[in-house]
mmCIF file of all heavy atoms, coordinates in Angstrom:
data_MODEL
# 
_entry.id   MODEL 
# 
loop_
_atom_site.group_PDB 
_atom_site.id 
_atom_site.type_symbol 
_atom_site.label_atom_id 
_atom_site.label_alt_id 
_atom_site.label_comp_id 
_atom_site.label_asym_id 
_atom_site.label_entity_id 
_atom_site.label_seq_id 
_atom_site.pdbx_PDB_ins_code 
_atom_site.Cartn_x 
_atom_site.Cartn_y 
_atom_site.Cartn_z 
_atom_site.occupancy 
_atom_site.B_iso_or_equiv 
_atom_site.pdbx_formal_charge 
_atom_site.auth_seq_id 
_atom_site.auth_comp_id 
_atom_site.auth_asym_id 
_atom_site.auth_atom_id 
_atom_site.pdbx_PDB_model_num 
ATOM 1   N N   . GLU A 1 1  ? 0.890  7.272  -5.309  1.00 0.00 ? 1  GLU A N   1 
ATOM 2   C CA  . GLU A 1 1  ? 0.887  5.935  -4.792  1.00 0.00 ? 1  GLU A CA  1 
ATOM 3   C C   . GLU A 1 1  ? 0.725  5.925  -3.273  1.00 0.00 ? 1  GLU A C   1 
ATOM 4   O O   . GLU A 1 1  ? 0.041  5.026  -2.693  1.00 0.00 ? 1  GLU A O   1 
ATOM 5   C CB  . GLU A 1 1  ? 2.190  5.202  -5.185  1.00 0.00 ? 1  GLU A CB  1 
ATOM 6   C CG  . GLU A 1 1  ? 2.279  4.954  -6.671  1.00 0.00 ? 1  GLU A CG  1 
ATOM 7   C CD  . GLU A 1 1  ? 3.418  4.010  -7.058  1.00 0.00 ? 1  GLU A CD  1 
ATOM 8   O OE1 . GLU A 1 1  ? 3.636  3.064  -6.337  1.00 0.00 ? 1  GLU A OE1 1 
ATOM 9   O OE2 . GLU A 1 1  ? 4.066  4.206  -8.171  1.00 0.00 ? 1  GLU A OE2 1 
ATOM 10  N N   . VAL A 1 2  ? 1.446  6.815  -2.581  1.00 0.00 ? 2  VAL A N   1 
ATOM 11  C CA  . VAL A 1 2  ? 1.280  6.896  -1.148  1.00 0.00 ? 2  VAL A CA  1 
ATOM 12  C C   . VAL A 1 2  ? -0.169 7.191  -0.747  1.00 0.00 ? 2  VAL A C   1 
ATOM 13  O O   . VAL A 1 2  ? -0.713 6.638  0.214   1.00 0.00 ? 2  VAL A O   1 
ATOM 14  C CB  . VAL A 1 2  ? 2.231  7.943  -0.584  1.00 0.00 ? 2  VAL A CB  1 
ATOM 15  C CG1 . VAL A 1 2  ? 1.922  8.299  0.955   1.00 0.00 ? 2  VAL A CG1 1 
ATOM 16  C CG2 . VAL A 1 2  ? 3.694  7.512  -0.706  1.00 0.00 ? 2  VAL A CG2 1 
ATOM 17  N N   . ALA A 1 3  ? -0.784 8.136  -1.522  1.00 0.00 ? 3  ALA A N   1 
ATOM 18  C CA  . ALA A 1 3  ? -2.189 8.506  -1.201  1.00 0.00 ? 3  ALA A CA  1 
ATOM 19  C C   . ALA A 1 3  ? -3.117 7.284  -1.359  1.00 0.00 ? 3  ALA A C   1 
ATOM 20  O O   . ALA A 1 3  ? -4.172 7.248  -0.628  1.00 0.00 ? 3  ALA A O   1 
ATOM 21  C CB  . ALA A 1 3  ? -2.625 9.623  -2.125  1.00 0.00 ? 3  ALA A CB  1 
ATOM 22  N N   . LEU A 1 4  ? -2.815 6.345  -2.186  1.00 0.00 ? 4  LEU A N   1 
ATOM 23  C CA  . LEU A 1 4  ? -3.614 5.184  -2.442  1.00 0.00 ? 4  LEU A CA  1 
ATOM 24  C C   . LEU A 1 4  ? -3.498 4.138  -1.321  1.00 0.00 ? 4  LEU A C   1 
ATOM 25  O O   . LEU A 1 4  ? -4.300 3.191  -1.305  1.00 0.00 ? 4  LEU A O   1 
ATOM 26  C CB  . LEU A 1 4  ? -3.259 4.503  -3.802  1.00 0.00 ? 4  LEU A CB  1 
ATOM 27  C CG  . LEU A 1 4  ? -3.659 5.308  -5.045  1.00 0.00 ? 4  LEU A CG  1 
ATOM 28  C CD1 . LEU A 1 4  ? -3.058 4.599  -6.237  1.00 0.00 ? 4  LEU A CD1 1 
ATOM 29  C CD2 . LEU A 1 4  ? -5.141 5.395  -5.141  1.00 0.00 ? 4  LEU A CD2 1 
ATOM 30  N N   . CYS A 1 5  ? -2.519 4.309  -0.406  1.00 0.00 ? 5  CYS A N   1 
ATOM 31  C CA  . CYS A 1 5  ? -2.266 3.219  0.585   1.00 0.00 ? 5  CYS A CA  1 
ATOM 32  C C   . CYS A 1 5  ? -3.300 3.171  1.694   1.00 0.00 ? 5  CYS A C   1 
ATOM 33  O O   . CYS A 1 5  ? -3.390 2.179  2.415   1.00 0.00 ? 5  CYS A O   1 
ATOM 34  C CB  . CYS A 1 5  ? -0.852 3.448  1.158   1.00 0.00 ? 5  CYS A CB  1 
ATOM 35  S SG  . CYS A 1 5  ? 0.414  2.945  -0.008  1.00 0.00 ? 5  CYS A SG  1 
ATOM 36  N N   . GLY A 1 6  ? -4.067 4.274  1.887   1.00 0.00 ? 6  GLY A N   1 
ATOM 37  C CA  . GLY A 1 6  ? -5.146 4.276  2.895   1.00 0.00 ? 6  GLY A CA  1 
ATOM 38  C C   . GLY A 1 6  ? -4.635 3.895  4.262   1.00 0.00 ? 6  GLY A C   1 
ATOM 39  O O   . GLY A 1 6  ? -3.745 4.544  4.802   1.00 0.00 ? 6  GLY A O   1 
ATOM 40  N N   . ASN A 1 7  ? -5.280 2.877  4.795   1.00 0.00 ? 7  ASN A N   1 
ATOM 41  C CA  . ASN A 1 7  ? -4.868 2.370  6.160   1.00 0.00 ? 7  ASN A CA  1 
ATOM 42  C C   . ASN A 1 7  ? -3.891 1.202  6.071   1.00 0.00 ? 7  ASN A C   1 
ATOM 43  O O   . ASN A 1 7  ? -3.679 0.458  7.062   1.00 0.00 ? 7  ASN A O   1 
ATOM 44  C CB  . ASN A 1 7  ? -6.125 1.930  6.923   1.00 0.00 ? 7  ASN A CB  1 
ATOM 45  C CG  . ASN A 1 7  ? -7.002 3.089  7.288   1.00 0.00 ? 7  ASN A CG  1 
ATOM 46  O OD1 . ASN A 1 7  ? -6.476 4.155  7.681   1.00 0.00 ? 7  ASN A OD1 1 
ATOM 47  N ND2 . ASN A 1 7  ? -8.312 2.966  7.178   1.00 0.00 ? 7  ASN A ND2 1 
ATOM 48  N N   . ALA A 1 8  ? -3.238 1.039  4.928   1.00 0.00 ? 8  ALA A N   1 
ATOM 49  C CA  . ALA A 1 8  ? -2.374 -0.097 4.792   1.00 0.00 ? 8  ALA A CA  1 
ATOM 50  C C   . ALA A 1 8  ? -1.245 -0.171 5.849   1.00 0.00 ? 8  ALA A C   1 
ATOM 51  O O   . ALA A 1 8  ? -0.896 -1.200 6.378   1.00 0.00 ? 8  ALA A O   1 
ATOM 52  C CB  . ALA A 1 8  ? -1.734 -0.116 3.412   1.00 0.00 ? 8  ALA A CB  1 
ATOM 53  N N   . TRP A 1 9  ? -0.732 1.063  6.210   1.00 0.00 ? 9  TRP A N   1 
ATOM 54  C CA  . TRP A 1 9  ? 0.359  1.075  7.197   1.00 0.00 ? 9  TRP A CA  1 
ATOM 55  C C   . TRP A 1 9  ? -0.139 0.433  8.539   1.00 0.00 ? 9  TRP A C   1 
ATOM 56  O O   . TRP A 1 9  ? 0.547  -0.441 9.066   1.00 0.00 ? 9  TRP A O   1 
ATOM 57  C CB  . TRP A 1 9  ? 0.692  2.533  7.537   1.00 0.00 ? 9  TRP A CB  1 
ATOM 58  C CG  . TRP A 1 9  ? 0.563  3.500  6.376   1.00 0.00 ? 9  TRP A CG  1 
ATOM 59  C CD1 . TRP A 1 9  ? -0.361 4.512  6.239   1.00 0.00 ? 9  TRP A CD1 1 
ATOM 60  C CD2 . TRP A 1 9  ? 1.399  3.529  5.227   1.00 0.00 ? 9  TRP A CD2 1 
ATOM 61  N NE1 . TRP A 1 9  ? -0.229 5.168  5.057   1.00 0.00 ? 9  TRP A NE1 1 
ATOM 62  C CE2 . TRP A 1 9  ? 0.828  4.618  4.390   1.00 0.00 ? 9  TRP A CE2 1 
ATOM 63  C CE3 . TRP A 1 9  ? 2.492  2.868  4.741   1.00 0.00 ? 9  TRP A CE3 1 
ATOM 64  C CZ2 . TRP A 1 9  ? 1.421  4.962  3.178   1.00 0.00 ? 9  TRP A CZ2 1 
ATOM 65  C CZ3 . TRP A 1 9  ? 3.037  3.206  3.517   1.00 0.00 ? 9  TRP A CZ3 1 
ATOM 66  C CH2 . TRP A 1 9  ? 2.515  4.239  2.745   1.00 0.00 ? 9  TRP A CH2 1 
ATOM 67  N N   . LYS A 1 10 ? -1.312 0.883  9.014   1.00 0.00 ? 10 LYS A N   1 
ATOM 68  C CA  . LYS A 1 10 ? -1.782 0.347  10.268  1.00 0.00 ? 10 LYS A CA  1 
ATOM 69  C C   . LYS A 1 10 ? -2.122 -1.163 10.221  1.00 0.00 ? 10 LYS A C   1 
ATOM 70  O O   . LYS A 1 10 ? -1.777 -1.929 11.077  1.00 0.00 ? 10 LYS A O   1 
ATOM 71  C CB  . LYS A 1 10 ? -3.012 1.150  10.691  1.00 0.00 ? 10 LYS A CB  1 
ATOM 72  C CG  . LYS A 1 10 ? -3.546 0.817  12.096  1.00 0.00 ? 10 LYS A CG  1 
ATOM 73  C CD  . LYS A 1 10 ? -4.810 1.630  12.407  1.00 0.00 ? 10 LYS A CD  1 
ATOM 74  C CE  . LYS A 1 10 ? -4.499 3.143  12.487  1.00 0.00 ? 10 LYS A CE  1 
ATOM 75  N NZ  . LYS A 1 10 ? -5.699 3.884  12.949  1.00 0.00 ? 10 LYS A NZ  1 
ATOM 76  N N   . LEU A 1 11 ? -2.733 -1.555 9.111   1.00 0.00 ? 11 LEU A N   1 
ATOM 77  C CA  . LEU A 1 11 ? -3.133 -2.953 8.957   1.00 0.00 ? 11 LEU A CA  1 
ATOM 78  C C   . LEU A 1 11 ? -1.949 -3.894 8.922   1.00 0.00 ? 11 LEU A C   1 
ATOM 79  O O   . LEU A 1 11 ? -2.110 -5.045 9.412   1.00 0.00 ? 11 LEU A O   1 
ATOM 80  C CB  . LEU A 1 11 ? -3.979 -3.101 7.664   1.00 0.00 ? 11 LEU A CB  1 
ATOM 81  C CG  . LEU A 1 11 ? -5.354 -2.445 7.654   1.00 0.00 ? 11 LEU A CG  1 
ATOM 82  C CD1 . LEU A 1 11 ? -5.964 -2.510 6.238   1.00 0.00 ? 11 LEU A CD1 1 
ATOM 83  C CD2 . LEU A 1 11 ? -6.290 -3.094 8.695   1.00 0.00 ? 11 LEU A CD2 1 
ATOM 84  N N   . LEU A 1 12 ? -0.839 -3.478 8.363   1.00 0.00 ? 12 LEU A N   1 
ATOM 85  C CA  . LEU A 1 12 ? 0.341  -4.327 8.172   1.00 0.00 ? 12 LEU A CA  1 
ATOM 86  C C   . LEU A 1 12 ? 1.362  -4.237 9.310   1.00 0.00 ? 12 LEU A C   1 
ATOM 87  O O   . LEU A 1 12 ? 2.313  -4.969 9.285   1.00 0.00 ? 12 LEU A O   1 
ATOM 88  C CB  . LEU A 1 12 ? 0.978  -4.062 6.823   1.00 0.00 ? 12 LEU A CB  1 
ATOM 89  C CG  . LEU A 1 12 ? 0.111  -4.398 5.598   1.00 0.00 ? 12 LEU A CG  1 
ATOM 90  C CD1 . LEU A 1 12 ? 0.747  -3.786 4.338   1.00 0.00 ? 12 LEU A CD1 1 
ATOM 91  C CD2 . LEU A 1 12 ? -0.048 -5.905 5.455   1.00 0.00 ? 12 LEU A CD2 1 
ATOM 92  N N   . GLY A 1 13 ? 1.143  -3.277 10.217  1.00 0.00 ? 13 GLY A N   1 
ATOM 93  C CA  . GLY A 1 13 ? 2.078  -3.137 11.316  1.00 0.00 ? 13 GLY A CA  1 
ATOM 94  C C   . GLY A 1 13 ? 3.218  -2.139 11.026  1.00 0.00 ? 13 GLY A C   1 
ATOM 95  O O   . GLY A 1 13 ? 4.282  -2.275 11.587  1.00 0.00 ? 13 GLY A O   1 
ATOM 96  N N   . LEU A 1 14 ? 2.901  -1.129 10.201  1.00 0.00 ? 14 LEU A N   1 
ATOM 97  C CA  . LEU A 1 14 ? 3.909  -0.199 9.796   1.00 0.00 ? 14 LEU A CA  1 
ATOM 98  C C   . LEU A 1 14 ? 3.758  1.198  10.393  1.00 0.00 ? 14 LEU A C   1 
ATOM 99  O O   . LEU A 1 14 ? 2.626  1.613  10.722  1.00 0.00 ? 14 LEU A O   1 
ATOM 100 C CB  . LEU A 1 14 ? 3.950  -0.092 8.268   1.00 0.00 ? 14 LEU A CB  1 
ATOM 101 C CG  . LEU A 1 14 ? 4.238  -1.357 7.471   1.00 0.00 ? 14 LEU A CG  1 
ATOM 102 C CD1 . LEU A 1 14 ? 3.871  -1.138 6.016   1.00 0.00 ? 14 LEU A CD1 1 
ATOM 103 C CD2 . LEU A 1 14 ? 5.648  -1.794 7.597   1.00 0.00 ? 14 LEU A CD2 1 
ATOM 104 N N   . ASN A 1 15 ? 4.846  1.896  10.534  1.00 0.00 ? 15 ASN A N   1 
ATOM 105 C CA  . ASN A 1 15 ? 4.824  3.272  10.824  1.00 0.00 ? 15 ASN A CA  1 
ATOM 106 C C   . ASN A 1 15 ? 4.466  4.083  9.499   1.00 0.00 ? 15 ASN A C   1 
ATOM 107 O O   . ASN A 1 15 ? 4.439  3.561  8.473   1.00 0.00 ? 15 ASN A O   1 
ATOM 108 C CB  . ASN A 1 15 ? 6.179  3.739  11.336  1.00 0.00 ? 15 ASN A CB  1 
ATOM 109 C CG  . ASN A 1 15 ? 6.067  4.900  12.294  1.00 0.00 ? 15 ASN A CG  1 
ATOM 110 O OD1 . ASN A 1 15 ? 5.076  5.602  12.354  1.00 0.00 ? 15 ASN A OD1 1 
ATOM 111 N ND2 . ASN A 1 15 ? 7.085  5.137  13.156  1.00 0.00 ? 15 ASN A ND2 1 
ATOM 112 N N   . LYS A 1 16 ? 4.278  5.396  9.646   1.00 0.00 ? 16 LYS A N   1 
ATOM 113 C CA  . LYS A 1 16 ? 4.053  6.212  8.482   1.00 0.00 ? 16 LYS A CA  1 
ATOM 114 C C   . LYS A 1 16 ? 5.387  6.342  7.702   1.00 0.00 ? 16 LYS A C   1 
ATOM 115 O O   . LYS A 1 16 ? 6.479  6.284  8.271   1.00 0.00 ? 16 LYS A O   1 
ATOM 116 C CB  . LYS A 1 16 ? 3.542  7.603  8.852   1.00 0.00 ? 16 LYS A CB  1 
ATOM 117 C CG  . LYS A 1 16 ? 2.076  7.609  9.337   1.00 0.00 ? 16 LYS A CG  1 
ATOM 118 C CD  . LYS A 1 16 ? 1.151  7.278  8.175   1.00 0.00 ? 16 LYS A CD  1 
ATOM 119 C CE  . LYS A 1 16 ? -0.335 7.269  8.545   1.00 0.00 ? 16 LYS A CE  1 
ATOM 120 N NZ  . LYS A 1 16 ? -0.856 8.595  8.801   1.00 0.00 ? 16 LYS A NZ  1 
ATOM 121 N N   . PRO A 1 17 ? 5.303  6.525  6.344   1.00 0.00 ? 17 PRO A N   1 
ATOM 122 C CA  . PRO A 1 17 ? 6.506  6.467  5.587   1.00 0.00 ? 17 PRO A CA  1 
ATOM 123 C C   . PRO A 1 17 ? 7.268  7.766  5.602   1.00 0.00 ? 17 PRO A C   1 
ATOM 124 O O   . PRO A 1 17 ? 6.792  8.870  5.817   1.00 0.00 ? 17 PRO A O   1 
ATOM 125 C CB  . PRO A 1 17 ? 5.983  6.258  4.169   1.00 0.00 ? 17 PRO A CB  1 
ATOM 126 C CG  . PRO A 1 17 ? 4.578  6.914  4.182   1.00 0.00 ? 17 PRO A CG  1 
ATOM 127 C CD  . PRO A 1 17 ? 4.103  6.669  5.563   1.00 0.00 ? 17 PRO A CD  1 
ATOM 128 N N   . ASP A 1 18 ? 8.631  7.611  5.436   1.00 0.00 ? 18 ASP A N   1 
ATOM 129 C CA  . ASP A 1 18 ? 9.477  8.772  5.114   1.00 0.00 ? 18 ASP A CA  1 
ATOM 130 C C   . ASP A 1 18 ? 9.757  8.700  3.617   1.00 0.00 ? 18 ASP A C   1 
ATOM 131 O O   . ASP A 1 18 ? 10.151 7.637  3.041   1.00 0.00 ? 18 ASP A O   1 
ATOM 132 C CB  . ASP A 1 18 ? 10.848 8.676  5.867   1.00 0.00 ? 18 ASP A CB  1 
ATOM 133 C CG  . ASP A 1 18 ? 10.657 8.880  7.318   1.00 0.00 ? 18 ASP A CG  1 
ATOM 134 O OD1 . ASP A 1 18 ? 9.852  9.772  7.704   1.00 0.00 ? 18 ASP A OD1 1 
ATOM 135 O OD2 . ASP A 1 18 ? 11.332 8.221  8.113   1.00 0.00 ? 18 ASP A OD2 1 
ATOM 136 N N   . ILE A 1 19 ? 9.582  9.819  2.912   1.00 0.00 ? 19 ILE A N   1 
ATOM 137 C CA  . ILE A 1 19 ? 9.784  9.854  1.467   1.00 0.00 ? 19 ILE A CA  1 
ATOM 138 C C   . ILE A 1 19 ? 10.841 10.867 1.111   1.00 0.00 ? 19 ILE A C   1 
ATOM 139 O O   . ILE A 1 19 ? 10.774 12.012 1.533   1.00 0.00 ? 19 ILE A O   1 
ATOM 140 C CB  . ILE A 1 19 ? 8.519  10.229 0.754   1.00 0.00 ? 19 ILE A CB  1 
ATOM 141 C CG1 . ILE A 1 19 ? 7.344  9.248  1.120   1.00 0.00 ? 19 ILE A CG1 1 
ATOM 142 C CG2 . ILE A 1 19 ? 8.669  10.236 -0.774  1.00 0.00 ? 19 ILE A CG2 1 
ATOM 143 C CD1 . ILE A 1 19 ? 5.953  9.767  0.740   1.00 0.00 ? 19 ILE A CD1 1 
ATOM 144 N N   . ILE A 1 20 ? 11.901 10.355 0.443   1.00 0.00 ? 20 ILE A N   1 
ATOM 145 C CA  . ILE A 1 20 ? 13.042 11.232 0.020   1.00 0.00 ? 20 ILE A CA  1 
ATOM 146 C C   . ILE A 1 20 ? 13.115 11.167 -1.518  1.00 0.00 ? 20 ILE A C   1 
ATOM 147 O O   . ILE A 1 20 ? 13.186 10.084 -2.094  1.00 0.00 ? 20 ILE A O   1 
ATOM 148 C CB  . ILE A 1 20 ? 14.334 10.796 0.657   1.00 0.00 ? 20 ILE A CB  1 
ATOM 149 C CG1 . ILE A 1 20 ? 14.271 10.888 2.181   1.00 0.00 ? 20 ILE A CG1 1 
ATOM 150 C CG2 . ILE A 1 20 ? 15.477 11.656 0.122   1.00 0.00 ? 20 ILE A CG2 1 
ATOM 151 C CD1 . ILE A 1 20 ? 15.442 10.367 2.902   1.00 0.00 ? 20 ILE A CD1 1 
ATOM 152 N N   . CYS A 1 21 ? 13.112 12.326 -2.173  1.00 0.00 ? 21 CYS A N   1 
ATOM 153 C CA  . CYS A 1 21 ? 13.122 12.363 -3.629  1.00 0.00 ? 21 CYS A CA  1 
ATOM 154 C C   . CYS A 1 21 ? 14.568 12.732 -4.048  1.00 0.00 ? 21 CYS A C   1 
ATOM 155 O O   . CYS A 1 21 ? 15.267 13.465 -3.362  1.00 0.00 ? 21 CYS A O   1 
ATOM 156 C CB  . CYS A 1 21 ? 12.168 13.313 -4.173  1.00 0.00 ? 21 CYS A CB  1 
ATOM 157 S SG  . CYS A 1 21 ? 10.428 12.882 -3.884  1.00 0.00 ? 21 CYS A SG  1 
ATOM 158 N N   . GLU A 1 22 ? 14.990 12.183 -5.152  1.00 0.00 ? 22 GLU A N   1 
ATOM 159 C CA  . GLU A 1 22 ? 16.325 12.326 -5.634  1.00 0.00 ? 22 GLU A CA  1 
ATOM 160 C C   . GLU A 1 22 ? 16.272 12.541 -7.160  1.00 0.00 ? 22 GLU A C   1 
ATOM 161 O O   . GLU A 1 22 ? 15.444 11.929 -7.863  1.00 0.00 ? 22 GLU A O   1 
ATOM 162 C CB  . GLU A 1 22 ? 17.178 11.083 -5.290  1.00 0.00 ? 22 GLU A CB  1 
ATOM 163 C CG  . GLU A 1 22 ? 18.604 11.129 -5.770  1.00 0.00 ? 22 GLU A CG  1 
ATOM 164 C CD  . GLU A 1 22 ? 19.493 11.928 -4.795  1.00 0.00 ? 22 GLU A CD  1 
ATOM 165 O OE1 . GLU A 1 22 ? 19.384 11.798 -3.558  1.00 0.00 ? 22 GLU A OE1 1 
ATOM 166 O OE2 . GLU A 1 22 ? 20.291 12.670 -5.332  1.00 0.00 ? 22 GLU A OE2 1 
ATOM 167 N N   . THR A 1 23 ? 17.160 13.385 -7.711  1.00 0.00 ? 23 THR A N   1 
ATOM 168 C CA  . THR A 1 23 ? 17.232 13.565 -9.124  1.00 0.00 ? 23 THR A CA  1 
ATOM 169 C C   . THR A 1 23 ? 18.535 12.927 -9.592  1.00 0.00 ? 23 THR A C   1 
ATOM 170 O O   . THR A 1 23 ? 19.602 13.244 -9.177  1.00 0.00 ? 23 THR A O   1 
ATOM 171 C CB  . THR A 1 23 ? 17.217 15.060 -9.520  1.00 0.00 ? 23 THR A CB  1 
ATOM 172 O OG1 . THR A 1 23 ? 16.008 15.669 -9.025  1.00 0.00 ? 23 THR A OG1 1 
ATOM 173 C CG2 . THR A 1 23 ? 17.268 15.241 -11.025 1.00 0.00 ? 23 THR A CG2 1 
ATOM 174 N N   . LEU A 1 24 ? 18.413 11.980 -10.516 1.00 0.00 ? 24 LEU A N   1 
ATOM 175 C CA  . LEU A 1 24 ? 19.504 11.304 -11.076 1.00 0.00 ? 24 LEU A CA  1 
ATOM 176 C C   . LEU A 1 24 ? 20.277 12.288 -12.056 1.00 0.00 ? 24 LEU A C   1 
ATOM 177 O O   . LEU A 1 24 ? 19.666 13.276 -12.507 1.00 0.00 ? 24 LEU A O   1 
ATOM 178 C CB  . LEU A 1 24 ? 19.116 10.073 -11.835 1.00 0.00 ? 24 LEU A CB  1 
ATOM 179 C CG  . LEU A 1 24 ? 18.427 8.945  -11.036 1.00 0.00 ? 24 LEU A CG  1 
ATOM 180 C CD1 . LEU A 1 24 ? 18.067 7.771  -11.919 1.00 0.00 ? 24 LEU A CD1 1 
ATOM 181 C CD2 . LEU A 1 24 ? 19.290 8.447  -9.907  1.00 0.00 ? 24 LEU A CD2 1 
ATOM 182 N N   . PRO A 1 25 ? 21.544 11.993 -12.361 1.00 0.00 ? 25 PRO A N   1 
ATOM 183 C CA  . PRO A 1 25 ? 22.322 12.910 -13.250 1.00 0.00 ? 25 PRO A CA  1 
ATOM 184 C C   . PRO A 1 25 ? 21.642 13.134 -14.554 1.00 0.00 ? 25 PRO A C   1 
ATOM 185 O O   . PRO A 1 25 ? 21.893 14.116 -15.236 1.00 0.00 ? 25 PRO A O   1 
ATOM 186 C CB  . PRO A 1 25 ? 23.651 12.169 -13.412 1.00 0.00 ? 25 PRO A CB  1 
ATOM 187 C CG  . PRO A 1 25 ? 23.797 11.454 -12.089 1.00 0.00 ? 25 PRO A CG  1 
ATOM 188 C CD  . PRO A 1 25 ? 22.448 11.014 -11.760 1.00 0.00 ? 25 PRO A CD  1 
ATOM 189 N N   . ASN A 1 26 ? 20.770 12.156 -15.052 1.00 0.00 ? 26 ASN A N   1 
ATOM 190 C CA  . ASN A 1 26 ? 20.045 12.316 -16.330 1.00 0.00 ? 26 ASN A CA  1 
ATOM 191 C C   . ASN A 1 26 ? 18.710 13.048 -16.127 1.00 0.00 ? 26 ASN A C   1 
ATOM 192 O O   . ASN A 1 26 ? 17.885 13.015 -17.004 1.00 0.00 ? 26 ASN A O   1 
ATOM 193 C CB  . ASN A 1 26 ? 19.874 10.984 -17.008 1.00 0.00 ? 26 ASN A CB  1 
ATOM 194 C CG  . ASN A 1 26 ? 19.087 10.051 -16.093 1.00 0.00 ? 26 ASN A CG  1 
ATOM 195 O OD1 . ASN A 1 26 ? 18.596 10.422 -15.062 1.00 0.00 ? 26 ASN A OD1 1 
ATOM 196 N ND2 . ASN A 1 26 ? 19.015 8.825  -16.574 1.00 0.00 ? 26 ASN A ND2 1 
ATOM 197 N N   . ASN A 1 27 ? 18.517 13.600 -14.932 1.00 0.00 ? 27 ASN A N   1 
ATOM 198 C CA  . ASN A 1 27 ? 17.321 14.354 -14.603 1.00 0.00 ? 27 ASN A CA  1 
ATOM 199 C C   . ASN A 1 27 ? 16.079 13.468 -14.359 1.00 0.00 ? 27 ASN A C   1 
ATOM 200 O O   . ASN A 1 27 ? 14.993 14.024 -14.163 1.00 0.00 ? 27 ASN A O   1 
ATOM 201 C CB  . ASN A 1 27 ? 16.982 15.452 -15.606 1.00 0.00 ? 27 ASN A CB  1 
ATOM 202 C CG  . ASN A 1 27 ? 17.965 16.605 -15.529 1.00 0.00 ? 27 ASN A CG  1 
ATOM 203 O OD1 . ASN A 1 27 ? 18.380 16.952 -14.456 1.00 0.00 ? 27 ASN A OD1 1 
ATOM 204 N ND2 . ASN A 1 27 ? 18.325 17.142 -16.705 1.00 0.00 ? 27 ASN A ND2 1 
ATOM 205 N N   . GLU A 1 28 ? 16.311 12.150 -14.347 1.00 0.00 ? 28 GLU A N   1 
ATOM 206 C CA  . GLU A 1 28 ? 15.150 11.303 -13.907 1.00 0.00 ? 28 GLU A CA  1 
ATOM 207 C C   . GLU A 1 28 ? 14.888 11.360 -12.443 1.00 0.00 ? 28 GLU A C   1 
ATOM 208 O O   . GLU A 1 28 ? 15.843 11.630 -11.690 1.00 0.00 ? 28 GLU A O   1 
ATOM 209 C CB  . GLU A 1 28 ? 15.458 9.827  -14.331 1.00 0.00 ? 28 GLU A CB  1 
ATOM 210 C CG  . GLU A 1 28 ? 15.348 9.574  -15.812 1.00 0.00 ? 28 GLU A CG  1 
ATOM 211 C CD  . GLU A 1 28 ? 15.307 8.093  -16.112 1.00 0.00 ? 28 GLU A CD  1 
ATOM 212 O OE1 . GLU A 1 28 ? 14.962 7.272  -15.200 1.00 0.00 ? 28 GLU A OE1 1 
ATOM 213 O OE2 . GLU A 1 28 ? 15.646 7.711  -17.262 1.00 0.00 ? 28 GLU A OE2 1 
# 
């Protein structure tokens, strides 16, 4: 999904994203 964003960050006035992944207790 991040790869699909293209230049959306710049067009909308955003910085580049920070992405943090987490595993829930049920492994989701």
